[in-house]
Amino acid sequence: MDTDLITWIEAFLFDRKAQNVTKGTLYFYRAHLNLFIKFCETQLLTKIDQIEPGSIRQYLIWLENGGHNPGGINACYRALRAFLFWWENEVEPEGWKNPICKVKEPKVGLDPREPVHFETVKALIDTCPKDNFNGIRDKAIFMCLLDTGVRANEFLNINRADINPYTGENLIRSEKGKKPRTLFIIQKTRKVIRQYLKLRITYSPALWVTDDQAERLTYWGLKSMVVPRSRLAGVKTRELHAFRRQFAISCYVPV
């Protein structure tokens, strides 16, 4: 039986897609398993049955030496574990022992992650011009992220039809397979969103669009907006999930 590593990883990803996992989950598996493929290339490992517990331990050290933090190393381990257990169940290889069973999951530090502080949000908003599309859009994004506390992908999947800029009613389509839910945004945020929608010159079903208004704003597009705004504000660039953490402890938008 052919045990080609890349062939079976693609089969695993195809199976995950067939199971209707979220785009974020599919990206998680692909990105982290691609790292494992790169490591295997350095070790001339091309077959699944060539992988041993020692190979996996070397992989974890390779990740650490490459600058990956404990959380990233743990994520790589979990992606590889899911793949190897899937392959074992899918193929039922006779006499093969899953090497991941002898490698303990890497520990992750328990240091709490900080939310994005109100002063930081205020500084970010102050970098947004009040007289152009990008400035109004970015201000609306910062306020809405903090006001709703939704996951970034859920936030970017909001359509124009999902939000009422007058009542603040906002339909959130869950990324985690749960039922859609309705959230409400406060008056200050509603006002900025109405200003933003007035500047929309093209019709797109997406609420949040790119600079040219042609396409839905992507996760990476959102991150690439936050980075220069952070530099302009003179604040540390925070991950998008930090807005969700701040929402968990407060619901006040400092604008």
Protein backbone atom coordinates (compact mmCIF):
# COMPACT_ATOMS: atom_id res chain seq x y z
CA MET A 1 0.00 0.00 0.00
CA ASP A 2 1.27 3.46 -0.89
CA THR A 3 2.00 5.48 2.26
CA ASP A 4 3.13 8.69 0.54
CA LEU A 5 2.94 11.45 3.16
CA ILE A 6 1.83 14.32 0.94
CA THR A 7 -0.81 12.22 -0.81
CA TRP A 8 -2.38 11.20 2.49
CA ILE A 9 -2.24 14.69 3.96
CA GLU A 10 -4.21 15.93 0.97
CA ALA A 11 -6.67 13.08 1.51
CA PHE A 12 -7.01 14.08 5.16
CA LEU A 13 -7.71 17.71 4.21
CA PHE A 14 -10.27 16.54 1.64
CA ASP A 15 -11.97 14.48 4.34
CA ARG A 16 -12.05 17.46 6.72
CA LYS A 17 -13.62 19.56 3.98
CA ALA A 18 -16.19 16.83 3.33
CA GLN A 19 -16.98 16.90 7.06
CA ASN A 20 -17.89 20.58 6.58
CA VAL A 21 -15.37 21.97 9.05
CA THR A 22 -15.04 25.75 9.05
CA LYS A 23 -12.62 27.52 6.72
CA GLY A 24 -10.59 28.50 9.75
CA THR A 25 -10.26 24.90 10.89
CA LEU A 26 -9.29 23.75 7.41
CA TYR A 27 -6.67 26.48 7.22
CA PHE A 28 -5.36 25.43 10.65
CA TYR A 29 -4.75 21.87 9.48
CA ARG A 30 -3.26 22.84 6.13
CA ALA A 31 -0.88 25.47 7.53
CA HIS A 32 0.43 23.29 10.35
CA LEU A 33 0.72 20.10 8.31
CA ASN A 34 2.63 22.03 5.65
CA LEU A 35 5.18 22.81 8.34
CA PHE A 36 5.50 19.10 9.04
CA ILE A 37 6.02 18.43 5.33
CA LYS A 38 8.84 21.01 5.26
CA PHE A 39 10.49 19.32 8.23
CA CYS A 40 10.17 15.89 6.61
CA GLU A 41 11.86 17.20 3.48
CA THR A 42 14.90 18.10 5.58
CA GLN A 43 14.96 14.54 6.94
CA LEU A 44 14.22 12.82 3.61
CA LEU A 45 11.02 11.39 5.05
CA THR A 46 8.42 10.77 2.35
CA LYS A 47 6.34 7.89 3.74
CA ILE A 48 4.08 7.74 6.76
CA ASP A 49 5.56 4.45 7.92
CA GLN A 50 8.98 6.14 8.07
CA ILE A 51 7.78 8.44 10.85
CA GLU A 52 8.95 7.37 14.29
CA PRO A 53 8.51 8.88 17.78
CA GLY A 54 12.05 10.24 17.49
CA SER A 55 11.11 11.96 14.22
CA ILE A 56 8.24 13.75 15.91
CA ARG A 57 10.44 14.84 18.82
CA GLN A 58 12.98 16.19 16.32
CA TYR A 59 10.13 18.04 14.61
CA LEU A 60 9.13 19.76 17.85
CA ILE A 61 12.74 20.83 18.46
CA TRP A 62 12.99 22.01 14.84
CA LEU A 63 9.94 24.20 15.41
CA GLU A 64 11.41 25.67 18.59
CA ASN A 65 14.72 26.40 16.88
CA GLY A 66 12.76 28.05 14.10
CA GLY A 67 11.33 30.60 16.51
CA HIS A 68 7.86 29.13 17.09
CA ASN A 69 6.38 29.92 20.49
CA PRO A 70 4.98 27.20 22.81
CA GLY A 71 1.43 27.81 21.61
CA GLY A 72 2.45 27.41 17.97
CA ILE A 73 4.41 24.23 18.70
CA ASN A 74 1.43 22.80 20.55
CA ALA A 75 -0.83 23.63 17.60
CA CYS A 76 1.54 21.83 15.21
CA TYR A 77 1.53 18.78 17.47
CA ARG A 78 -2.28 18.72 17.62
CA ALA A 79 -2.62 18.99 13.84
CA LEU A 80 -0.15 16.14 13.31
CA ARG A 81 -1.88 14.03 15.97
CA ALA A 82 -5.26 14.52 14.28
CA PHE A 83 -3.79 13.49 10.93
CA LEU A 84 -2.02 10.37 12.21
CA PHE A 85 -5.04 9.13 14.16
CA TRP A 86 -7.22 9.77 11.09
CA TRP A 87 -4.83 7.80 8.89
CA GLU A 88 -4.75 4.93 11.38
CA ASN A 89 -8.55 4.78 11.42
CA GLU A 90 -8.84 5.22 7.66
CA VAL A 91 -6.26 2.65 6.58
CA GLU A 92 -6.13 0.26 9.55
CA PRO A 93 -2.51 -0.65 8.75
CA GLU A 94 -1.55 -4.09 9.97
CA GLY A 95 1.35 -4.09 12.41
CA TRP A 96 1.75 -0.30 12.38
CA LYS A 97 1.96 1.50 15.71
CA ASN A 98 1.04 5.14 15.80
CA PRO A 99 4.26 7.03 16.74
CA ILE A 100 2.36 10.02 18.15
CA CYS A 101 1.18 7.83 21.06
CA LYS A 102 4.70 7.82 22.51
CA VAL A 103 5.21 11.59 22.26
CA LYS A 104 3.67 13.72 24.97
CA GLU A 105 1.82 16.87 23.99
CA PRO A 106 4.07 19.94 24.40
CA LYS A 107 3.20 22.13 27.33
CA VAL A 108 1.78 25.60 26.81
CA GLY A 109 2.41 28.44 29.23
CA LEU A 110 -0.55 29.55 31.30
CA ASP A 111 0.27 33.26 31.18
CA PRO A 112 -3.01 35.16 30.62
CA ARG A 113 -3.32 37.00 27.31
CA GLU A 114 -4.07 40.65 27.64
CA PRO A 115 -7.09 42.31 26.04
CA VAL A 116 -6.69 45.37 23.85
CA HIS A 117 -7.01 48.26 26.30
CA PHE A 118 -9.42 51.15 25.79
CA GLU A 119 -6.53 53.60 25.53
CA THR A 120 -5.13 51.52 22.67
CA VAL A 121 -8.46 51.46 20.84
CA LYS A 122 -8.80 55.22 21.27
CA ALA A 123 -5.29 55.72 19.85
CA LEU A 124 -6.10 53.47 16.87
CA ILE A 125 -9.33 55.35 16.17
CA ASP A 126 -7.49 58.68 16.33
CA THR A 127 -5.37 57.58 13.34
CA CYS A 128 -8.48 57.17 11.17
CA PRO A 129 -9.15 60.21 8.92
CA LYS A 130 -12.69 61.55 9.17
CA ASP A 131 -12.93 62.63 5.55
CA ASN A 132 -12.29 59.49 3.49
CA PHE A 133 -13.64 55.99 3.01
CA ASN A 134 -10.76 54.06 4.58
CA GLY A 135 -10.71 56.23 7.67
CA ILE A 136 -14.45 55.93 8.33
CA ARG A 137 -14.40 52.20 7.56
CA ASP A 138 -11.47 51.51 9.87
CA LYS A 139 -13.04 53.50 12.69
CA ALA A 140 -16.27 51.56 12.27
CA ILE A 141 -14.33 48.29 12.30
CA PHE A 142 -12.51 49.08 15.55
CA MET A 143 -15.71 50.17 17.27
CA CYS A 144 -17.74 47.23 15.99
CA LEU A 145 -15.07 44.68 16.93
CA LEU A 146 -15.00 45.98 20.47
CA ASP A 147 -18.78 46.41 20.62
CA THR A 148 -19.72 42.89 19.47
CA GLY A 149 -16.86 40.70 20.74
CA VAL A 150 -17.31 38.26 17.87
CA ARG A 151 -14.57 36.14 16.35
CA ALA A 152 -12.70 37.77 13.48
CA ASN A 153 -14.01 35.37 10.83
CA GLU A 154 -17.59 35.77 12.06
CA PHE A 155 -17.09 39.54 11.97
CA LEU A 156 -15.85 39.48 8.37
CA ASN A 157 -18.72 37.21 7.27
CA ILE A 158 -21.34 39.79 8.26
CA ASN A 159 -23.40 40.93 5.28
CA ARG A 160 -25.05 44.30 4.79
CA ALA A 161 -28.41 42.59 5.09
CA ASP A 162 -27.41 41.19 8.48
CA ILE A 163 -27.17 44.56 10.22
CA ASN A 164 -29.72 47.27 10.90
CA PRO A 165 -27.74 50.52 11.27
CA TYR A 166 -30.70 52.22 12.95
CA THR A 167 -31.73 49.70 15.59
CA GLY A 168 -28.29 48.12 15.98
CA GLU A 169 -29.61 44.60 15.43
CA ASN A 170 -26.79 42.45 14.05
CA LEU A 171 -27.12 38.83 12.88
CA ILE A 172 -23.96 36.77 13.49
CA ARG A 173 -23.54 33.56 11.53
CA SER A 174 -21.44 31.31 13.76
CA GLU A 175 -18.15 29.81 12.53
CA LYS A 176 -18.36 27.02 15.08
CA GLY A 177 -21.38 25.17 13.75
CA LYS A 178 -23.76 26.76 16.23
CA LYS A 179 -27.03 28.51 15.47
CA PRO A 180 -26.89 32.13 14.27
CA ARG A 181 -27.30 34.67 17.05
CA THR A 182 -28.35 38.30 17.23
CA LEU A 183 -26.26 41.00 18.88
CA PHE A 184 -26.93 44.70 19.30
CA ILE A 185 -24.43 47.52 18.80
CA ILE A 186 -24.60 50.76 20.75
CA GLN A 187 -25.63 54.17 19.46
CA LYS A 188 -22.11 55.53 18.87
CA THR A 189 -21.19 52.51 16.78
CA ARG A 190 -24.46 52.67 14.82
CA LYS A 191 -23.72 56.30 13.92
CA VAL A 192 -20.27 55.49 12.53
CA ILE A 193 -21.60 52.50 10.56
CA ARG A 194 -24.23 54.73 8.95
CA GLN A 195 -21.46 57.16 7.94
CA TYR A 196 -19.49 54.25 6.50
CA LEU A 197 -22.43 52.89 4.50
CA LYS A 198 -23.06 56.33 2.98
CA LEU A 199 -19.57 56.21 1.48
CA ARG A 200 -20.11 52.84 -0.16
CA ILE A 201 -20.18 53.46 -3.91
CA THR A 202 -20.44 49.84 -5.04
CA TYR A 203 -22.90 47.23 -3.93
CA SER A 204 -21.40 44.16 -2.35
CA PRO A 205 -23.31 41.80 -0.08
CA ALA A 206 -20.40 42.04 2.40
CA LEU A 207 -20.55 44.62 5.16
CA TRP A 208 -16.78 45.05 5.36
CA VAL A 209 -15.05 45.53 2.02
CA THR A 210 -11.57 46.21 0.67
CA ASP A 211 -10.13 49.66 -0.05
CA ASP A 212 -11.48 49.60 -3.62
CA GLN A 213 -14.84 48.28 -2.33
CA ALA A 214 -14.67 45.45 -4.86
CA GLU A 215 -14.38 42.46 -2.54
CA ARG A 216 -15.14 41.27 0.96
CA LEU A 217 -12.39 42.14 3.43
CA THR A 218 -10.39 39.04 4.36
CA TYR A 219 -8.79 38.06 7.66
CA TRP A 220 -5.35 38.95 6.33
CA GLY A 221 -6.67 42.18 4.89
CA LEU A 222 -8.00 43.11 8.31
CA LYS A 223 -4.68 42.29 9.96
CA SER A 224 -2.78 44.31 7.36
CA MET A 225 -5.00 47.28 8.23
CA VAL A 226 -4.37 46.97 11.97
CA VAL A 227 -0.56 46.87 11.63
CA PRO A 228 -0.01 50.32 10.02
CA ARG A 229 -2.69 51.87 12.22
CA SER A 230 -0.82 50.54 15.25
CA ARG A 231 2.42 52.06 13.98
CA LEU A 232 0.73 55.42 13.42
CA ALA A 233 -0.77 55.30 16.91
CA GLY A 234 2.54 54.31 18.47
CA VAL A 235 1.04 51.24 20.14
CA LYS A 236 1.92 47.57 20.12
CA THR A 237 0.16 45.63 17.38
CA ARG A 238 -2.34 43.30 19.03
CA GLU A 239 -3.89 40.15 17.64
CA LEU A 240 -7.51 40.49 16.52
CA HIS A 241 -8.72 38.19 19.29
CA ALA A 242 -7.63 40.79 21.85
CA PHE A 243 -10.75 42.81 20.96
CA ARG A 244 -12.86 39.79 21.90
CA ARG A 245 -11.07 39.48 25.23
CA GLN A 246 -11.74 43.15 26.00
CA PHE A 247 -15.42 42.66 25.15
CA ALA A 248 -15.53 39.84 27.71
CA ILE A 249 -14.72 42.26 30.53
CA SER A 250 -16.54 45.38 29.37
CA CYS A 251 -19.05 46.61 26.82
CA TYR A 252 -18.16 50.32 26.73
CA VAL A 253 -16.68 51.86 23.59
CA PRO A 254 -14.39 54.79 24.51
CA VAL A 255 -15.26 57.18 21.69
